[in-house]
Protein backbone atom coordinates (compact mmCIF):
# COMPACT_ATOMS: atom_id res chain seq x y z
CA MET A 1 1.54 74.74 58.29
CA VAL A 2 -0.49 75.46 54.61
CA LEU A 3 -2.25 72.77 53.09
CA VAL A 4 -3.02 72.71 49.25
CA THR A 5 -4.64 70.33 47.64
CA GLY A 6 -4.15 69.81 44.05
CA GLY A 7 -1.25 70.81 43.96
CA THR A 8 0.07 68.92 41.05
CA GLY A 9 -2.56 71.30 38.57
CA LEU A 10 -2.40 74.43 36.80
CA VAL A 11 -3.69 76.59 40.06
CA GLY A 12 -1.95 74.27 42.97
CA SER A 13 1.54 74.46 40.75
CA HIS A 14 1.44 78.89 40.51
CA LEU A 15 -0.12 78.72 44.32
CA LEU A 16 2.77 76.29 45.64
CA LEU A 17 5.54 78.21 44.09
CA LYS A 18 4.22 81.35 45.23
CA LEU A 19 4.28 79.73 48.88
CA ALA A 20 7.82 78.41 48.67
CA GLU A 21 8.63 82.12 47.73
CA LYS A 22 7.04 83.50 51.08
CA ASN A 23 8.89 80.90 52.97
CA GLN A 24 5.76 79.31 53.81
CA SER A 25 5.92 75.62 55.16
CA VAL A 26 3.79 73.73 52.86
CA ARG A 27 2.61 70.27 53.15
CA ALA A 28 0.53 69.08 49.05
CA LEU A 29 -1.65 66.03 48.34
CA TYR A 30 -1.19 64.89 44.73
CA ARG A 31 -2.65 61.65 43.74
CA LYS A 32 -1.29 58.38 42.45
CA GLY A 33 -0.01 58.71 39.37
CA ALA A 34 0.12 62.69 39.24
CA ASN A 35 3.11 63.91 37.24
CA LEU A 36 5.21 65.60 39.87
CA GLU A 37 7.67 66.90 37.17
CA ARG A 38 4.72 69.03 35.64
CA VAL A 39 5.23 70.82 39.19
CA LYS A 40 9.53 71.63 38.75
CA THR A 41 8.57 72.36 35.46
CA VAL A 42 6.44 75.25 36.47
CA PHE A 43 8.88 76.52 39.08
CA SER A 44 11.84 76.82 36.62
CA TYR A 45 9.37 79.40 34.57
CA TYR A 46 9.63 81.52 36.59
CA SER A 47 12.95 81.42 38.88
CA LYS A 48 16.64 80.43 39.00
CA ASN A 49 15.69 78.93 42.56
CA SER A 50 13.34 76.52 40.96
CA LYS A 51 14.65 72.96 42.64
CA SER A 52 15.12 74.56 45.89
CA LEU A 53 11.56 75.38 46.31
CA TYR A 54 10.08 72.75 45.27
CA GLU A 55 12.30 70.72 47.59
CA ASN A 56 11.09 72.69 50.80
CA ILE A 57 7.31 71.54 49.94
CA GLU A 58 6.08 68.23 51.81
CA TRP A 59 4.24 65.97 49.18
CA ILE A 60 1.50 63.01 50.32
CA GLU A 61 0.20 60.38 48.23
CA ALA A 62 -3.92 61.16 49.16
CA ASP A 63 -6.48 61.85 47.41
CA LEU A 64 -10.28 63.79 48.21
CA ASN A 65 -11.60 60.38 49.54
CA ASP A 66 -8.63 58.55 51.09
CA LEU A 67 -9.50 59.57 54.47
CA PRO A 68 -6.56 57.70 56.22
CA ASN A 69 -4.14 59.52 54.35
CA LEU A 70 -6.08 62.96 54.21
CA THR A 71 -6.47 62.55 58.05
CA LEU A 72 -2.56 62.21 58.34
CA ALA A 73 -1.87 65.24 55.78
CA PHE A 74 -4.21 67.61 58.13
CA LYS A 75 -1.87 67.31 61.24
CA ASP A 76 -0.45 70.88 62.28
CA ILE A 77 -2.45 72.44 59.63
CA THR A 78 -3.75 75.78 60.07
CA HIS A 79 -4.76 76.75 56.70
CA VAL A 80 -6.27 74.99 53.37
CA TYR A 81 -6.06 75.96 49.55
CA HIS A 82 -8.62 73.90 48.11
CA CYS A 83 -7.83 73.50 44.77
CA ALA A 84 -8.01 70.27 43.41
CA ALA A 85 -11.05 69.03 41.33
CA TYR A 86 -12.38 66.56 38.46
CA ILE A 87 -13.19 68.33 35.14
CA SER A 88 -15.75 66.72 32.69
CA PHE A 89 -18.31 68.13 30.94
CA ASP A 90 -19.36 64.43 29.70
CA PRO A 91 -23.04 63.50 31.25
CA SER A 92 -21.88 59.93 31.87
CA ASN A 93 -19.08 60.87 34.63
CA TYR A 94 -21.99 62.70 36.68
CA LYS A 95 -21.28 60.01 39.42
CA ILE A 96 -17.31 60.84 39.45
CA LEU A 97 -17.81 64.34 39.32
CA ARG A 98 -20.30 64.58 42.61
CA VAL A 99 -17.47 62.10 44.73
CA ALA A 100 -14.66 63.76 43.78
CA ASN A 101 -15.83 67.19 43.72
CA ILE A 102 -19.10 67.09 46.68
CA LYS A 103 -17.59 64.23 48.42
CA GLY A 104 -14.31 64.60 48.49
CA THR A 105 -15.24 68.66 49.77
CA ALA A 106 -17.09 67.36 51.97
CA ASN A 107 -13.82 65.28 53.44
CA ILE A 108 -11.58 68.71 53.22
CA VAL A 109 -14.17 70.53 55.17
CA ASN A 110 -14.88 67.75 57.81
CA LEU A 111 -11.24 67.50 58.57
CA SER A 112 -11.09 71.72 58.77
CA ILE A 113 -13.81 71.45 61.12
CA ALA A 114 -11.96 68.59 63.34
CA ASN A 115 -8.64 70.13 63.24
CA LYS A 116 -9.68 73.42 63.71
CA VAL A 117 -8.68 75.43 60.80
CA GLU A 118 -8.55 78.61 60.80
CA LYS A 119 -9.04 79.28 57.12
CA LEU A 120 -9.84 77.66 53.69
CA CYS A 121 -9.41 79.06 50.93
CA TYR A 122 -11.72 77.37 47.73
CA VAL A 123 -11.19 77.49 44.16
CA SER A 124 -14.77 77.30 42.48
CA SER A 125 -15.54 78.94 39.33
CA VAL A 126 -17.67 81.45 37.51
CA ALA A 127 -19.76 78.17 36.23
CA THR A 128 -21.47 78.26 39.56
CA LEU A 129 -23.38 81.37 39.30
CA GLY A 130 -26.46 82.57 37.69
CA TYR A 131 -26.07 83.64 34.01
CA ASP A 132 -29.19 84.64 33.10
CA ALA A 133 -28.26 88.50 34.50
CA ASP A 134 -27.03 91.58 31.81
CA LEU A 135 -24.43 91.23 34.47
CA ILE A 136 -23.17 88.51 36.74
CA THR A 137 -21.80 89.23 39.97
CA GLU A 138 -21.38 87.35 42.98
CA GLU A 139 -25.08 88.18 43.74
CA THR A 140 -26.18 86.58 40.72
CA GLN A 141 -28.17 83.46 41.97
CA TRP A 142 -28.00 79.72 40.83
CA GLU A 143 -31.61 78.82 39.30
CA GLY A 144 -30.97 75.13 39.61
CA ASN A 145 -29.72 72.63 37.83
CA GLN A 146 -31.42 72.51 34.26
CA ASN A 147 -29.00 73.79 31.22
CA GLN A 148 -26.05 73.59 33.10
CA SER A 149 -23.41 70.59 32.44
CA VAL A 150 -22.06 68.37 34.85
CA TYR A 151 -18.92 70.32 36.05
CA ALA A 152 -20.81 73.13 37.18
CA ILE A 153 -23.36 71.20 38.71
CA SER A 154 -20.96 69.13 41.25
CA LYS A 155 -18.72 72.44 41.48
CA TYR A 156 -21.73 74.33 43.07
CA GLY A 157 -22.38 71.36 45.79
CA ALA A 158 -18.38 71.58 46.50
CA GLU A 159 -19.54 75.57 47.46
CA MET A 160 -22.27 74.36 49.39
CA GLU A 161 -19.67 72.10 51.68
CA VAL A 162 -17.77 74.96 51.72
CA TRP A 163 -20.24 77.29 52.97
CA ARG A 164 -20.97 74.75 55.47
CA ALA A 165 -17.55 74.81 57.36
CA SER A 166 -18.27 78.82 57.61
CA GLN A 167 -21.30 77.65 59.40
CA GLU A 168 -19.01 75.56 61.76
CA GLY A 169 -16.48 77.94 62.80
CA VAL A 170 -13.87 77.91 60.14
CA ALA A 171 -13.88 81.01 57.82
CA ALA A 172 -13.90 80.26 54.18
CA VAL A 173 -13.47 82.38 50.71
CA ILE A 174 -14.22 81.09 47.57
CA VAL A 175 -12.84 82.72 44.13
CA ASN A 176 -14.80 81.99 41.25
CA PRO A 177 -12.36 82.41 38.09
CA GLY A 178 -13.62 82.31 34.91
CA VAL A 179 -11.51 80.48 31.99
CA ILE A 180 -8.08 80.51 33.59
CA LEU A 181 -4.92 81.00 31.58
CA GLY A 182 -0.93 80.05 31.91
CA PRO A 183 1.63 77.97 31.05
CA GLY A 184 2.63 74.48 32.38
CA PHE A 185 -0.50 72.28 31.03
CA LEU A 186 -0.86 72.86 27.20
CA ASN A 187 -2.86 69.29 26.89
CA SER A 188 -5.57 70.18 29.32
CA GLY A 189 -7.69 73.04 30.59
CA SER A 190 -7.31 76.61 29.04
CA GLY A 191 -4.08 74.62 26.96
CA LEU A 192 -6.56 73.45 24.82
CA LEU A 193 -7.30 76.69 23.35
CA PHE A 194 -3.77 77.12 22.42
CA LYS A 195 -3.56 74.30 20.70
CA LEU A 196 -6.96 74.56 18.78
CA ALA A 197 -5.42 78.12 17.65
CA GLY A 198 -2.01 76.61 16.68
CA LYS A 199 -4.25 74.21 13.80
CA LYS A 200 -4.93 77.43 12.66
CA GLN A 201 -8.96 76.78 13.60
CA ARG A 202 -11.06 78.67 11.36
CA TYR A 203 -14.51 78.76 12.98
CA PHE A 204 -15.53 80.64 15.88
CA THR A 205 -19.04 80.48 17.90
CA ASN A 206 -21.20 83.59 19.32
CA GLY A 207 -20.79 83.05 23.05
CA ARG A 208 -19.01 85.53 25.18
CA THR A 209 -17.55 84.04 29.19
CA GLY A 210 -14.16 85.97 31.18
CA TYR A 211 -11.12 85.26 31.88
CA VAL A 212 -7.96 85.81 34.07
CA SER A 213 -4.62 84.93 34.16
CA VAL A 214 -3.45 81.78 36.59
CA ASN A 215 -1.46 84.95 38.38
CA ASP A 216 -3.97 86.93 39.33
CA VAL A 217 -5.93 83.43 40.56
CA THR A 218 -3.18 82.93 43.04
CA LYS A 219 -2.71 86.63 44.57
CA ALA A 220 -6.20 86.99 44.73
CA MET A 221 -6.20 83.42 47.12
CA LEU A 222 -3.37 84.58 48.75
CA ASP A 223 -4.31 88.42 49.16
CA LEU A 224 -7.33 87.10 51.02
CA MET A 225 -6.02 84.87 53.22
CA ASP A 226 -3.88 87.34 54.83
CA SER A 227 -6.62 89.46 55.13
CA ASP A 228 -9.44 89.72 57.54
CA ILE A 229 -12.09 88.59 54.98
CA LYS A 230 -13.94 86.05 55.50
CA ASN A 231 -16.62 83.47 54.73
CA GLN A 232 -17.23 85.70 50.94
CA ARG A 233 -16.91 84.81 47.48
CA TYR A 234 -15.05 86.76 44.41
CA ILE A 235 -15.58 86.75 40.31
CA LEU A 236 -11.80 86.79 39.10
CA VAL A 237 -12.32 87.98 35.40
CA ALA A 238 -9.80 90.02 33.93
CA GLU A 239 -11.53 90.64 30.82
CA ASN A 240 -14.91 89.71 28.71
CA LEU A 241 -14.54 88.05 25.62
CA THR A 242 -15.82 86.54 23.08
CA TYR A 243 -14.27 83.80 21.69
CA LYS A 244 -13.66 84.99 18.11
CA GLU A 245 -11.81 87.81 20.08
CA ILE A 246 -10.01 85.35 22.58
CA LEU A 247 -9.15 83.36 19.74
CA THR A 248 -7.98 86.20 17.73
CA THR A 249 -6.01 87.33 20.68
CA VAL A 250 -3.91 83.59 21.12
CA ALA A 251 -3.13 83.90 17.60
CA LYS A 252 -1.82 87.13 17.49
CA SER A 253 0.27 86.33 20.23
CA MET A 254 1.54 82.77 18.28
CA GLN A 255 1.72 85.33 14.91
CA ILE A 256 -0.36 83.12 13.33
CA ALA A 257 -4.25 83.67 11.21
CA PRO A 258 -6.72 84.11 13.14
CA PRO A 259 -10.02 82.62 12.69
CA THR A 260 -12.57 84.04 10.25
CA LYS A 261 -16.22 82.11 9.96
CA LEU A 262 -18.64 81.83 12.54
CA ALA A 263 -19.77 78.69 13.56
CA SER A 264 -23.85 77.74 12.74
CA GLN A 265 -26.13 75.95 15.34
CA ARG A 266 -26.50 73.36 12.95
CA MET A 267 -22.54 72.89 12.20
CA LEU A 268 -22.47 73.09 16.37
CA GLN A 269 -25.42 69.91 16.70
CA PHE A 270 -23.56 68.27 14.07
CA ALA A 271 -20.18 68.13 16.21
CA LEU A 272 -22.26 67.51 19.04
CA VAL A 273 -23.24 64.54 17.43
CA PHE A 274 -20.33 63.39 15.53
CA ASP A 275 -18.53 63.42 18.92
CA TRP A 276 -20.81 61.25 20.90
CA VAL A 277 -19.98 58.84 17.74
CA GLN A 278 -16.41 58.80 18.17
CA SER A 279 -17.02 58.49 21.82
CA LYS A 280 -19.36 55.32 21.34
CA LEU A 281 -16.73 53.70 18.97
CA LEU A 282 -13.63 54.58 19.85
CA GLY A 283 -13.66 54.92 23.49
CA ARG A 284 -12.88 57.97 23.75
CA LYS A 285 -13.35 60.75 25.93
CA ARG A 286 -16.46 62.85 24.77
CA ARG A 287 -15.11 66.79 24.21
CA LEU A 288 -18.56 67.91 23.48
CA SER A 289 -22.34 67.79 25.41
CA LYS A 290 -25.22 69.40 24.88
CA ALA A 291 -24.34 72.08 28.32
CA VAL A 292 -20.82 72.48 26.48
CA CYS A 293 -22.13 73.59 23.45
CA ARG A 294 -24.61 75.74 25.60
CA ALA A 295 -22.04 77.52 26.64
CA LEU A 296 -20.18 78.11 23.84
CA THR A 297 -23.03 80.41 22.23
CA ARG A 298 -23.98 82.19 25.72
CA ASP A 299 -23.21 85.44 26.18
CA CYS A 300 -21.62 85.83 29.67
CA LYS A 301 -20.37 89.11 31.13
CA PHE A 302 -18.58 88.60 34.61
CA SER A 303 -18.22 91.36 37.24
CA SER A 304 -14.88 91.68 39.80
CA GLU A 305 -15.37 94.81 41.06
CA LYS A 306 -16.13 93.38 44.38
CA ILE A 307 -12.17 92.02 44.49
CA LYS A 308 -10.95 95.31 43.58
CA THR A 309 -13.21 97.14 45.80
CA ASP A 310 -12.05 94.82 48.85
CA LEU A 311 -8.60 94.65 47.76
CA LYS A 312 -8.04 97.99 47.10
CA SER A 313 -4.16 97.06 45.43
CA PHE A 314 -5.85 94.53 43.23
CA LYS A 315 -5.36 94.80 39.35
CA PHE A 316 -5.75 91.94 36.68
CA THR A 317 -3.56 91.08 34.04
CA PRO A 318 -4.06 91.75 30.74
CA ILE A 319 -5.36 88.78 28.48
CA SER A 320 -3.56 90.06 26.13
CA GLU A 321 -0.36 90.01 28.23
CA ALA A 322 -1.34 86.30 29.64
CA THR A 323 -2.28 84.35 26.42
CA GLN A 324 1.77 86.22 25.21
CA GLN A 325 3.28 84.70 28.48
CA VAL A 326 1.80 80.90 27.98
CA VAL A 327 3.37 81.20 24.31
CA GLN A 328 6.51 82.43 25.52
CA TYR A 329 6.92 78.86 27.10
CA PHE A 330 4.87 76.78 24.69
CA PHE A 331 5.51 78.06 21.08
């Protein structure tokens, strides 16, 4: 039996659909208050048989630090897809990030070892890789916590737990996707990129990063778990695009005007201070931090040659096609 954590998220919901279509016996975790209807909606995007596919999934309410329910969830499990994570770039949430992402992953690892799980796949991020190289590969080393976001630090710590599993008898693979694009979650993650473009955003920053379709991420995960590959990591990036290029691609998909003005460092600094003031006065979650501003101006290029070499039939979806798919369902 297969266990999926984070089943109500973008990656988790798409992964569950593919596992259900393969007639796998699947158990999925969801946190209290999570919206299971969103999973049903994602299923409906791709299948006319979405209701019966969804009903084949066994759901268990448990967060990553709920050891009693987690222990029950691991009964008869042979393979684990660990997709769950707490996402925040607000430095004030650092302790929450550590508990959810590092301690929570440690719990998944410990139960995988105790239950002799055959293989574990962990969804990490390109944020855990070094960023000073001209071309970032799986071998580009993390250079310490300085200038990293609190989210990246917590995901790196979680990776250390997964590598511990690989040293204690559980075969493991880690995928490091770039920004994941896919339908289903307009108000979080990359969905906010489409909301921003929909407001006819005029400004862009001069940074660059990697992007990938959610369906490519889940296909890579399934292929890696079905293979003999173990104890390896893989960057999943279809294209490296500047922020102007991705916003222009999204705008073209939405048939609206693309951004035309470069945001200066002074403008970013003002936005950072304004965001902090709003968070204090209105109790709103912070959207910007110093680490986020650095990321928006950092020029990062990622190589996905390793997965194309090791999974010879693997091909990435063009980002223009991925953005068009999101627009098809949301706008």
